[in-house]
């Protein structure tokens, strides 16, 4: 019996080596991390834009309230609205004078600010001759401990401010 030995030719390398697979996984991982960062950044920007849109609508709200109560504006009832929520009469069911309507507007406006914005509060300062500055403030986590230069002095860190000048 004779055995026939044939020499086998070495096969060409086919397929991927382990190093090539690991490099591919690494590249794909970096791409997925980049996509995740874009999604997080987009969500954060969407949140910021949402709050700024609310702030814009809320400044329009107090400006419209002031235009509706020009007697209260002319008597100075809106000259210095603080960031608090004052107690007021219900001017929807009761008859109120211009000053009482101004207090009611202030209470309704800052109640809505606190409900719609995180730690939201608003102020109005000025007079008929020089115009009014409406300031809305809220906490914005994305500020990373920074202060908004538009905010009045003494505002806590991470507070975003939205200022609007207004003449009735």
C-alpha atoms as a PDB file:
ATOM      1  CA  UNK A   1       0.000   0.000   0.000  1.00  0.00           C
ATOM      2  CA  UNK A   2       1.349   3.181  -0.950  1.00  0.00           C
ATOM      3  CA  UNK A   3       0.236   6.320   0.382  1.00  0.00           C
ATOM      4  CA  UNK A   4       0.002   9.213  -1.870  1.00  0.00           C
ATOM      5  CA  UNK A   5       0.954  12.332  -0.267  1.00  0.00           C
ATOM      6  CA  UNK A   6       0.021  15.476  -1.936  1.00  0.00           C
ATOM      7  CA  UNK A   7       1.295  18.733  -0.863  1.00  0.00           C
ATOM      8  CA  UNK A   8      -1.396  21.101  -0.124  1.00  0.00           C
ATOM      9  CA  UNK A   9      -0.940  24.621  -1.173  1.00  0.00           C
ATOM     10  CA  UNK A  10      -1.593  27.091   1.586  1.00  0.00           C
ATOM     11  CA  UNK A  11      -4.977  28.711   1.240  1.00  0.00           C
ATOM     12  CA  UNK A  12      -5.169  32.429   0.733  1.00  0.00           C
ATOM     13  CA  UNK A  13      -6.188  34.371   3.805  1.00  0.00           C
ATOM     14  CA  UNK A  14      -9.878  34.900   3.610  1.00  0.00           C
ATOM     15  CA  UNK A  15     -12.214  36.632   6.035  1.00  0.00           C
ATOM     16  CA  UNK A  16     -11.356  39.095   8.721  1.00  0.00           C
ATOM     17  CA  UNK A  17      -8.757  38.830  11.377  1.00  0.00           C
ATOM     18  CA  UNK A  18      -9.614  39.585  14.979  1.00  0.00           C
ATOM     19  CA  UNK A  19      -7.749  42.893  14.860  1.00  0.00           C
ATOM     20  CA  UNK A  20      -9.753  44.061  11.866  1.00  0.00           C
ATOM     21  CA  UNK A  21     -12.999  43.180  13.628  1.00  0.00           C
ATOM     22  CA  UNK A  22     -11.950  45.044  16.787  1.00  0.00           C
ATOM     23  CA  UNK A  23     -10.982  48.139  14.786  1.00  0.00           C
ATOM     24  CA  UNK A  24     -14.343  48.063  13.009  1.00  0.00           C
ATOM     25  CA  UNK A  25     -16.187  47.787  16.332  1.00  0.00           C
ATOM     26  CA  UNK A  26     -14.170  50.709  17.702  1.00  0.00           C
ATOM     27  CA  UNK A  27     -14.988  52.941  14.717  1.00  0.00           C
ATOM     28  CA  UNK A  28     -18.686  52.067  14.844  1.00  0.00           C
ATOM     29  CA  UNK A  29     -18.725  52.721  18.617  1.00  0.00           C
ATOM     30  CA  UNK A  30     -17.302  56.225  18.130  1.00  0.00           C
ATOM     31  CA  UNK A  31     -19.952  56.913  15.489  1.00  0.00           C
ATOM     32  CA  UNK A  32     -22.752  55.762  17.786  1.00  0.00           C
ATOM     33  CA  UNK A  33     -21.395  57.861  20.668  1.00  0.00           C
ATOM     34  CA  UNK A  34     -21.333  60.881  18.374  1.00  0.00           C
ATOM     35  CA  UNK A  35     -24.924  60.279  17.336  1.00  0.00           C
ATOM     36  CA  UNK A  36     -25.997  59.932  20.973  1.00  0.00           C
ATOM     37  CA  UNK A  37     -24.262  63.227  21.817  1.00  0.00           C
ATOM     38  CA  UNK A  38     -26.131  64.931  18.960  1.00  0.00           C
ATOM     39  CA  UNK A  39     -29.464  63.607  20.223  1.00  0.00           C
ATOM     40  CA  UNK A  40     -28.769  64.815  23.780  1.00  0.00           C
ATOM     41  CA  UNK A  41     -27.634  68.217  22.503  1.00  0.00           C
ATOM     42  CA  UNK A  42     -30.749  68.535  20.355  1.00  0.00           C
ATOM     43  CA  UNK A  43     -33.035  67.658  23.262  1.00  0.00           C
ATOM     44  CA  UNK A  44     -31.276  70.220  25.479  1.00  0.00           C
ATOM     45  CA  UNK A  45     -31.606  72.919  22.819  1.00  0.00           C
ATOM     46  CA  UNK A  46     -35.270  72.049  22.347  1.00  0.00           C
ATOM     47  CA  UNK A  47     -35.865  72.443  26.088  1.00  0.00           C
ATOM     48  CA  UNK A  48     -34.141  75.844  26.149  1.00  0.00           C
ATOM     49  CA  UNK A  49     -36.124  77.034  23.122  1.00  0.00           C
ATOM     50  CA  UNK A  50     -39.364  75.863  24.752  1.00  0.00           C
ATOM     51  CA  UNK A  51     -38.736  77.949  27.887  1.00  0.00           C
ATOM     52  CA  UNK A  52     -37.752  81.011  25.853  1.00  0.00           C
ATOM     53  CA  UNK A  53     -40.932  80.689  23.828  1.00  0.00           C
ATOM     54  CA  UNK A  54     -42.979  80.586  27.029  1.00  0.00           C
ATOM     55  CA  UNK A  55     -41.088  83.635  28.328  1.00  0.00           C
ATOM     56  CA  UNK A  56     -41.897  85.531  25.153  1.00  0.00           C
ATOM     57  CA  UNK A  57     -45.603  84.688  25.445  1.00  0.00           C
ATOM     58  CA  UNK A  58     -45.646  85.631  29.128  1.00  0.00           C
ATOM     59  CA  UNK A  59     -44.144  89.064  28.446  1.00  0.00           C
ATOM     60  CA  UNK A  60     -46.848  89.571  25.825  1.00  0.00           C
ATOM     61  CA  UNK A  61     -49.427  88.533  28.435  1.00  0.00           C
ATOM     62  CA  UNK A  62     -48.480  91.209  30.979  1.00  0.00           C
ATOM     63  CA  UNK A  63     -48.108  93.815  28.216  1.00  0.00           C
ATOM     64  CA  UNK A  64     -51.640  93.024  27.006  1.00  0.00           C
ATOM     65  CA  UNK A  65     -52.943  93.192  30.573  1.00  0.00           C
ATOM     66  CA  UNK A  66     -51.366  96.624  30.937  1.00  0.00           C
ATOM     67  CA  UNK A  67     -52.845  97.823  27.627  1.00  0.00           C
ATOM     68  CA  UNK A  68     -56.260  96.666  28.830  1.00  0.00           C
ATOM     69  CA  UNK A  69     -55.920  98.689  32.051  1.00  0.00           C
ATOM     70  CA  UNK A  70     -54.545 102.043  30.861  1.00  0.00           C
ATOM     71  CA  UNK A  71     -56.091 103.805  33.877  1.00  0.00           C
ATOM     72  CA  UNK A  72     -54.008 101.557  36.154  1.00  0.00           C
ATOM     73  CA  UNK A  73     -50.916 102.233  34.027  1.00  0.00           C
ATOM     74  CA  UNK A  74     -51.442 105.999  34.181  1.00  0.00           C
ATOM     75  CA  UNK A  75     -51.868 105.920  37.981  1.00  0.00           C
ATOM     76  CA  UNK A  76     -48.620 103.950  38.391  1.00  0.00           C
ATOM     77  CA  UNK A  77     -50.164 100.674  39.525  1.00  0.00           C
ATOM     78  CA  UNK A  78     -47.782  98.696  37.257  1.00  0.00           C
ATOM     79  CA  UNK A  79     -44.621 100.748  37.900  1.00  0.00           C
ATOM     80  CA  UNK A  80     -42.938  98.244  40.237  1.00  0.00           C
ATOM     81  CA  UNK A  81     -44.368  94.726  40.087  1.00  0.00           C
ATOM     82  CA  UNK A  82     -42.169  92.434  42.170  1.00  0.00           C
ATOM     83  CA  UNK A  83     -41.378  88.752  41.601  1.00  0.00           C
ATOM     84  CA  UNK A  84     -43.841  87.668  44.286  1.00  0.00           C
ATOM     85  CA  UNK A  85     -47.453  86.518  43.934  1.00  0.00           C
ATOM     86  CA  UNK A  86     -49.610  89.026  45.793  1.00  0.00           C
ATOM     87  CA  UNK A  87     -52.991  88.193  47.242  1.00  0.00           C
ATOM     88  CA  UNK A  88     -55.749  89.840  45.282  1.00  0.00           C
ATOM     89  CA  UNK A  89     -59.474  90.063  44.858  1.00  0.00           C
ATOM     90  CA  UNK A  90     -61.062  87.992  42.124  1.00  0.00           C
ATOM     91  CA  UNK A  91     -61.748  90.670  39.541  1.00  0.00           C
ATOM     92  CA  UNK A  92     -63.577  88.225  37.279  1.00  0.00           C
ATOM     93  CA  UNK A  93     -66.494  87.721  39.684  1.00  0.00           C
ATOM     94  CA  UNK A  94     -66.164  91.016  41.619  1.00  0.00           C
ATOM     95  CA  UNK A  95     -66.114  94.623  40.484  1.00  0.00           C
ATOM     96  CA  UNK A  96     -62.594  96.044  40.898  1.00  0.00           C
ATOM     97  CA  UNK A  97     -61.056  99.466  40.419  1.00  0.00           C
ATOM     98  CA  UNK A  98     -57.953 100.005  38.222  1.00  0.00           C
ATOM     99  CA  UNK A  99     -55.486  99.450  41.085  1.00  0.00           C
ATOM    100  CA  UNK A 100     -57.189  96.233  42.162  1.00  0.00           C
ATOM    101  CA  UNK A 101     -57.143  95.012  38.550  1.00  0.00           C
ATOM    102  CA  UNK A 102     -53.387  95.714  38.444  1.00  0.00           C
ATOM    103  CA  UNK A 103     -52.855  93.614  41.592  1.00  0.00           C
ATOM    104  CA  UNK A 104     -55.060  90.870  40.134  1.00  0.00           C
ATOM    105  CA  UNK A 105     -53.077  90.963  36.853  1.00  0.00           C
ATOM    106  CA  UNK A 106     -49.813  90.769  38.808  1.00  0.00           C
ATOM    107  CA  UNK A 107     -51.027  87.751  40.796  1.00  0.00           C
ATOM    108  CA  UNK A 108     -52.398  85.921  37.759  1.00  0.00           C
ATOM    109  CA  UNK A 109     -49.271  86.624  35.696  1.00  0.00           C
ATOM    110  CA  UNK A 110     -46.752  85.472  38.300  1.00  0.00           C
ATOM    111  CA  UNK A 111     -48.883  82.439  39.151  1.00  0.00           C
ATOM    112  CA  UNK A 112     -48.703  81.434  35.474  1.00  0.00           C
ATOM    113  CA  UNK A 113     -44.964  82.189  35.381  1.00  0.00           C
ATOM    114  CA  UNK A 114     -44.304  79.900  38.344  1.00  0.00           C
ATOM    115  CA  UNK A 115     -46.420  77.157  36.787  1.00  0.00           C
ATOM    116  CA  UNK A 116     -45.026  77.361  33.239  1.00  0.00           C
ATOM    117  CA  UNK A 117     -41.324  77.978  33.941  1.00  0.00           C
ATOM    118  CA  UNK A 118     -39.059  76.208  36.465  1.00  0.00           C
ATOM    119  CA  UNK A 119     -38.954  78.606  39.429  1.00  0.00           C
ATOM    120  CA  UNK A 120     -40.420  81.223  37.102  1.00  0.00           C
ATOM    121  CA  UNK A 121     -41.085  84.758  38.290  1.00  0.00           C
ATOM    122  CA  UNK A 122     -41.516  88.105  36.610  1.00  0.00           C
ATOM    123  CA  UNK A 123     -41.044  91.772  37.403  1.00  0.00           C
ATOM    124  CA  UNK A 124     -42.159  94.989  35.739  1.00  0.00           C
ATOM    125  CA  UNK A 125     -40.312  98.251  36.353  1.00  0.00           C
ATOM    126  CA  UNK A 126     -40.673 101.692  34.820  1.00  0.00           C
ATOM    127  CA  UNK A 127     -43.290 104.330  34.187  1.00  0.00           C
ATOM    128  CA  UNK A 128     -45.370 105.793  31.396  1.00  0.00           C
ATOM    129  CA  UNK A 129     -42.792 108.481  30.546  1.00  0.00           C
ATOM    130  CA  UNK A 130     -39.729 106.211  30.201  1.00  0.00           C
ATOM    131  CA  UNK A 131     -41.423 102.933  29.330  1.00  0.00           C
ATOM    132  CA  UNK A 132     -41.365  99.620  31.152  1.00  0.00           C
ATOM    133  CA  UNK A 133     -38.883  96.764  31.396  1.00  0.00           C
ATOM    134  CA  UNK A 134     -40.529  93.363  31.774  1.00  0.00           C
ATOM    135  CA  UNK A 135     -38.139  90.763  33.190  1.00  0.00           C
ATOM    136  CA  UNK A 136     -38.862  87.047  33.365  1.00  0.00           C
ATOM    137  CA  UNK A 137     -36.515  84.765  35.327  1.00  0.00           C
ATOM    138  CA  UNK A 138     -36.337  80.975  35.546  1.00  0.00           C
ATOM    139  CA  UNK A 139     -33.857  78.245  36.454  1.00  0.00           C
ATOM    140  CA  UNK A 140     -32.080  76.672  33.509  1.00  0.00           C
ATOM    141  CA  UNK A 141     -29.944  73.642  34.436  1.00  0.00           C
ATOM    142  CA  UNK A 142     -28.038  73.815  31.157  1.00  0.00           C
ATOM    143  CA  UNK A 143     -26.238  76.988  32.293  1.00  0.00           C
ATOM    144  CA  UNK A 144     -23.813  74.848  34.344  1.00  0.00           C
ATOM    145  CA  UNK A 145     -23.495  77.247  37.274  1.00  0.00           C
ATOM    146  CA  UNK A 146     -23.045  80.376  35.145  1.00  0.00           C
ATOM    147  CA  UNK A 147     -24.882  83.652  35.587  1.00  0.00           C
ATOM    148  CA  UNK A 148     -26.901  85.293  32.839  1.00  0.00           C
ATOM    149  CA  UNK A 149     -25.499  88.815  32.272  1.00  0.00           C
ATOM    150  CA  UNK A 150     -29.027  90.018  31.437  1.00  0.00           C
ATOM    151  CA  UNK A 151     -30.228  89.204  34.963  1.00  0.00           C
ATOM    152  CA  UNK A 152     -30.373  91.903  37.622  1.00  0.00           C
ATOM    153  CA  UNK A 153     -27.688  91.772  40.297  1.00  0.00           C
ATOM    154  CA  UNK A 154     -28.203  89.193  42.983  1.00  0.00           C
ATOM    155  CA  UNK A 155     -29.893  86.638  40.739  1.00  0.00           C
ATOM    156  CA  UNK A 156     -28.901  83.080  41.693  1.00  0.00           C
ATOM    157  CA  UNK A 157     -26.664  81.021  39.421  1.00  0.00           C
ATOM    158  CA  UNK A 158     -28.376  79.028  36.658  1.00  0.00           C
ATOM    159  CA  UNK A 159     -31.018  81.757  36.403  1.00  0.00           C
ATOM    160  CA  UNK A 160     -31.927  82.751  32.868  1.00  0.00           C
ATOM    161  CA  UNK A 161     -33.501  86.173  32.293  1.00  0.00           C
ATOM    162  CA  UNK A 162     -35.629  87.406  29.416  1.00  0.00           C
ATOM    163  CA  UNK A 163     -36.015  91.190  29.215  1.00  0.00           C
ATOM    164  CA  UNK A 164     -38.458  93.137  27.092  1.00  0.00           C
ATOM    165  CA  UNK A 165     -38.903  96.901  26.811  1.00  0.00           C
ATOM    166  CA  UNK A 166     -42.482  98.001  26.502  1.00  0.00           C
ATOM    167  CA  UNK A 167     -44.420 101.247  26.111  1.00  0.00           C
ATOM    168  CA  UNK A 168     -48.195 101.020  26.421  1.00  0.00           C
END
